[in-house]
């Protein structure tokens, strides 16, 4: 598994985000605590999902109100997006 501080050390911040931004703290904590057992989030994954621009190594992360919502949406996007390649 990953350590939160190791993840943050490898992120290039932009658009006003820093290592101490709540979204980044929640993201690194969620990624560090993610289970590899494949369990997805509950059905209440909500509205906007995170997305990525893989060609630019860019994560588009909406400003979720809680760590739990972020975790659910990240896991939902990861699990449901496997095998999908969509242009946005």
N, C-alpha and C. Protein backbone atom coordinates (compact mmCIF):
# COMPACT_ATOMS: atom_id res chain seq x y z
N UNK A 1 0.84 -1.19 0.00
CA UNK A 1 0.00 0.00 0.00
C UNK A 1 0.88 1.25 0.00
N UNK A 2 0.26 2.33 -0.35
CA UNK A 2 0.95 3.62 -0.40
C UNK A 2 0.88 4.34 0.93
N UNK A 3 1.83 5.21 1.16
CA UNK A 3 1.79 6.11 2.31
C UNK A 3 1.35 7.48 1.81
N UNK A 4 0.51 8.16 2.59
CA UNK A 4 -0.05 9.45 2.18
C UNK A 4 1.05 10.46 1.86
N UNK A 5 2.07 10.55 2.70
CA UNK A 5 3.12 11.55 2.46
C UNK A 5 3.94 11.23 1.22
N UNK A 6 4.11 9.95 0.91
CA UNK A 6 4.82 9.56 -0.31
C UNK A 6 4.02 9.97 -1.54
N UNK A 7 2.72 9.77 -1.49
CA UNK A 7 1.86 10.18 -2.61
C UNK A 7 1.96 11.68 -2.84
N UNK A 8 1.85 12.45 -1.78
CA UNK A 8 1.88 13.91 -1.89
C UNK A 8 3.23 14.38 -2.45
N UNK A 9 4.30 13.69 -2.10
CA UNK A 9 5.63 14.05 -2.61
C UNK A 9 5.72 13.93 -4.13
N UNK A 10 4.83 13.13 -4.73
CA UNK A 10 4.89 12.88 -6.17
C UNK A 10 3.77 13.57 -6.95
N UNK A 11 3.09 14.51 -6.33
CA UNK A 11 2.02 15.25 -7.00
C UNK A 11 2.51 16.64 -7.36
N UNK A 12 2.25 17.03 -8.60
CA UNK A 12 2.54 18.40 -9.03
C UNK A 12 1.24 19.18 -8.88
N UNK A 13 1.22 20.13 -7.97
CA UNK A 13 0.00 20.87 -7.67
C UNK A 13 -0.19 22.03 -8.63
N UNK A 14 -1.46 22.32 -8.93
CA UNK A 14 -1.82 23.40 -9.84
C UNK A 14 -3.21 23.88 -9.49
N UNK A 15 -3.65 24.92 -10.13
CA UNK A 15 -5.00 25.47 -9.96
C UNK A 15 -5.32 25.82 -8.51
N UNK A 16 -4.32 26.29 -7.77
CA UNK A 16 -4.54 26.73 -6.39
C UNK A 16 -4.42 25.65 -5.33
N UNK A 17 -4.21 24.40 -5.74
CA UNK A 17 -4.07 23.32 -4.76
C UNK A 17 -2.64 23.29 -4.22
N UNK A 18 -2.52 22.90 -2.96
CA UNK A 18 -1.22 22.69 -2.31
C UNK A 18 -1.29 21.36 -1.56
N UNK A 19 -0.17 20.95 -0.99
CA UNK A 19 -0.14 19.71 -0.22
C UNK A 19 -1.05 19.77 0.99
N UNK A 20 -1.39 20.97 1.45
CA UNK A 20 -2.24 21.12 2.63
C UNK A 20 -3.69 21.42 2.29
N UNK A 21 -4.04 21.47 1.00
CA UNK A 21 -5.44 21.69 0.60
C UNK A 21 -6.29 20.52 1.09
N UNK A 22 -7.48 20.80 1.62
CA UNK A 22 -8.34 19.71 2.11
C UNK A 22 -8.55 18.60 1.08
N UNK A 23 -8.74 18.97 -0.18
CA UNK A 23 -8.96 17.95 -1.21
C UNK A 23 -7.74 17.04 -1.36
N UNK A 24 -6.55 17.59 -1.25
CA UNK A 24 -5.33 16.79 -1.40
C UNK A 24 -5.10 15.93 -0.17
N UNK A 25 -5.34 16.48 1.01
CA UNK A 25 -5.23 15.70 2.25
C UNK A 25 -6.19 14.52 2.19
N UNK A 26 -7.43 14.77 1.78
CA UNK A 26 -8.42 13.69 1.68
C UNK A 26 -8.04 12.68 0.60
N UNK A 27 -7.57 13.16 -0.55
CA UNK A 27 -7.18 12.26 -1.63
C UNK A 27 -6.04 11.35 -1.20
N UNK A 28 -5.00 11.92 -0.62
CA UNK A 28 -3.85 11.10 -0.23
C UNK A 28 -4.22 10.11 0.87
N UNK A 29 -5.06 10.53 1.80
CA UNK A 29 -5.51 9.64 2.85
C UNK A 29 -6.38 8.52 2.29
N UNK A 30 -7.27 8.87 1.37
CA UNK A 30 -8.14 7.87 0.74
C UNK A 30 -7.32 6.86 -0.04
N UNK A 31 -6.36 7.34 -0.84
CA UNK A 31 -5.52 6.44 -1.63
C UNK A 31 -4.67 5.56 -0.73
N UNK A 32 -4.15 6.12 0.34
CA UNK A 32 -3.31 5.34 1.25
C UNK A 32 -4.11 4.27 1.99
N UNK A 33 -5.39 4.55 2.22
CA UNK A 33 -6.23 3.60 2.96
C UNK A 33 -7.07 2.72 2.06
N UNK A 34 -6.94 2.89 0.75
CA UNK A 34 -7.76 2.12 -0.18
C UNK A 34 -7.45 0.63 -0.04
N UNK A 35 -8.47 -0.14 -0.11
CA UNK A 35 -8.32 -1.58 -0.03
C UNK A 35 -8.19 -2.15 -1.43
N UNK A 36 -7.38 -3.14 -1.58
CA UNK A 36 -7.21 -3.77 -2.89
C UNK A 36 -8.16 -4.94 -3.09
N UNK A 37 -9.17 -5.07 -2.23
CA UNK A 37 -10.07 -6.22 -2.34
C UNK A 37 -11.20 -6.00 -3.33
N UNK A 38 -11.26 -4.84 -3.99
CA UNK A 38 -12.24 -4.62 -5.03
C UNK A 38 -13.60 -4.17 -4.55
N UNK A 39 -13.79 -3.93 -3.26
CA UNK A 39 -15.08 -3.46 -2.80
C UNK A 39 -15.31 -2.05 -3.29
N UNK A 40 -16.47 -1.82 -3.88
CA UNK A 40 -16.81 -0.49 -4.38
C UNK A 40 -17.59 0.28 -3.35
N UNK A 41 -17.93 1.50 -3.69
CA UNK A 41 -18.70 2.35 -2.78
C UNK A 41 -20.16 1.97 -2.78
N UNK A 42 -20.92 2.60 -1.92
CA UNK A 42 -22.36 2.38 -1.91
C UNK A 42 -22.96 2.98 -3.17
N UNK A 43 -24.24 2.71 -3.40
CA UNK A 43 -24.92 3.21 -4.59
C UNK A 43 -25.09 4.72 -4.58
N UNK A 44 -24.84 5.38 -3.47
CA UNK A 44 -25.03 6.83 -3.39
C UNK A 44 -23.75 7.57 -3.78
N UNK A 45 -23.15 7.18 -4.91
CA UNK A 45 -21.89 7.79 -5.33
C UNK A 45 -22.05 9.26 -5.68
N UNK A 46 -23.23 9.71 -6.00
CA UNK A 46 -23.47 11.15 -6.16
C UNK A 46 -23.34 11.68 -7.56
N UNK A 47 -23.08 12.97 -7.65
CA UNK A 47 -23.11 13.69 -8.92
C UNK A 47 -21.81 13.57 -9.71
N UNK A 48 -20.93 14.52 -9.61
CA UNK A 48 -19.72 14.55 -10.43
C UNK A 48 -18.69 13.55 -9.95
N UNK A 49 -18.10 12.86 -10.91
CA UNK A 49 -17.04 11.90 -10.60
C UNK A 49 -15.69 12.51 -10.97
N UNK A 50 -14.64 12.05 -10.33
CA UNK A 50 -13.32 12.50 -10.75
C UNK A 50 -13.02 11.93 -12.13
N UNK A 51 -12.16 12.58 -12.86
CA UNK A 51 -11.73 12.07 -14.16
C UNK A 51 -10.25 12.38 -14.33
N UNK A 52 -9.67 11.81 -15.35
CA UNK A 52 -8.24 12.00 -15.57
C UNK A 52 -7.95 12.32 -17.02
N UNK A 53 -6.85 13.00 -17.23
CA UNK A 53 -6.27 13.18 -18.55
C UNK A 53 -4.95 12.41 -18.51
N UNK A 54 -5.00 11.15 -18.93
CA UNK A 54 -3.83 10.30 -18.78
C UNK A 54 -2.64 10.78 -19.60
N UNK A 55 -2.90 11.45 -20.73
CA UNK A 55 -1.79 11.93 -21.56
C UNK A 55 -0.99 13.02 -20.84
N UNK A 56 -1.63 13.70 -19.90
CA UNK A 56 -0.96 14.78 -19.17
C UNK A 56 -0.76 14.44 -17.69
N UNK A 57 -1.07 13.19 -17.30
CA UNK A 57 -0.98 12.78 -15.89
C UNK A 57 -1.70 13.77 -15.00
N UNK A 58 -2.95 14.05 -15.34
CA UNK A 58 -3.73 15.11 -14.71
C UNK A 58 -5.01 14.53 -14.14
N UNK A 59 -5.24 14.71 -12.84
CA UNK A 59 -6.46 14.26 -12.16
C UNK A 59 -7.38 15.45 -11.98
N UNK A 60 -8.59 15.34 -12.51
CA UNK A 60 -9.60 16.39 -12.33
C UNK A 60 -10.48 15.96 -11.16
N UNK A 61 -10.29 16.62 -10.03
CA UNK A 61 -10.94 16.23 -8.79
C UNK A 61 -11.89 17.33 -8.32
N UNK A 62 -13.20 17.08 -8.40
CA UNK A 62 -14.15 18.09 -7.91
C UNK A 62 -13.95 18.36 -6.42
N UNK A 63 -14.36 19.53 -5.94
CA UNK A 63 -14.19 19.87 -4.52
C UNK A 63 -15.27 19.24 -3.65
N UNK A 64 -15.10 17.98 -3.31
CA UNK A 64 -16.08 17.27 -2.50
C UNK A 64 -16.15 17.84 -1.09
N UNK A 65 -17.32 17.75 -0.49
CA UNK A 65 -17.52 18.35 0.83
C UNK A 65 -16.97 17.50 1.97
N UNK A 66 -16.82 16.19 1.75
CA UNK A 66 -16.29 15.33 2.81
C UNK A 66 -15.33 14.29 2.23
N UNK A 67 -14.50 13.75 3.09
CA UNK A 67 -13.58 12.68 2.70
C UNK A 67 -14.36 11.44 2.27
N UNK A 68 -15.45 11.14 2.95
CA UNK A 68 -16.25 9.96 2.63
C UNK A 68 -16.82 10.05 1.21
N UNK A 69 -17.34 11.23 0.85
CA UNK A 69 -17.88 11.41 -0.50
C UNK A 69 -16.76 11.24 -1.52
N UNK A 70 -15.59 11.85 -1.26
CA UNK A 70 -14.46 11.71 -2.17
C UNK A 70 -14.07 10.25 -2.33
N UNK A 71 -13.95 9.55 -1.23
CA UNK A 71 -13.56 8.15 -1.28
C UNK A 71 -14.56 7.32 -2.09
N UNK A 72 -15.85 7.52 -1.84
CA UNK A 72 -16.88 6.79 -2.57
C UNK A 72 -16.81 7.07 -4.07
N UNK A 73 -16.64 8.32 -4.43
CA UNK A 73 -16.62 8.68 -5.85
C UNK A 73 -15.35 8.20 -6.53
N UNK A 74 -14.21 8.27 -5.85
CA UNK A 74 -12.98 7.74 -6.43
C UNK A 74 -13.09 6.24 -6.66
N UNK A 75 -13.56 5.51 -5.67
CA UNK A 75 -13.69 4.06 -5.82
C UNK A 75 -14.70 3.69 -6.89
N UNK A 76 -15.78 4.43 -6.97
CA UNK A 76 -16.79 4.19 -8.01
C UNK A 76 -16.18 4.40 -9.40
N UNK A 77 -15.47 5.51 -9.58
CA UNK A 77 -14.86 5.81 -10.87
C UNK A 77 -13.81 4.76 -11.24
N UNK A 78 -13.02 4.34 -10.27
CA UNK A 78 -11.99 3.32 -10.52
C UNK A 78 -12.63 2.00 -10.92
N UNK A 79 -13.61 1.55 -10.14
CA UNK A 79 -14.24 0.25 -10.40
C UNK A 79 -15.07 0.24 -11.67
N UNK A 80 -15.84 1.27 -11.91
CA UNK A 80 -16.73 1.30 -13.07
C UNK A 80 -16.01 1.73 -14.34
N UNK A 81 -14.87 2.40 -14.21
CA UNK A 81 -14.15 2.89 -15.38
C UNK A 81 -13.15 1.91 -15.95
N UNK A 82 -12.99 0.76 -15.33
CA UNK A 82 -12.04 -0.22 -15.83
C UNK A 82 -12.48 -0.70 -17.20
N UNK A 83 -11.55 -0.68 -18.14
CA UNK A 83 -11.85 -1.14 -19.49
C UNK A 83 -12.56 -0.10 -20.34
N UNK A 84 -12.69 1.10 -19.83
CA UNK A 84 -13.37 2.17 -20.57
C UNK A 84 -12.37 3.23 -20.98
N UNK A 85 -12.53 3.73 -22.18
CA UNK A 85 -11.71 4.84 -22.65
C UNK A 85 -12.64 5.83 -23.31
N UNK A 86 -12.94 6.91 -22.64
CA UNK A 86 -13.87 7.91 -23.15
C UNK A 86 -13.14 9.23 -23.33
N UNK A 87 -13.51 9.95 -24.36
CA UNK A 87 -12.94 11.27 -24.57
C UNK A 87 -13.83 12.29 -23.89
N UNK A 88 -13.22 13.20 -23.13
CA UNK A 88 -14.01 14.23 -22.46
C UNK A 88 -13.48 15.61 -22.77
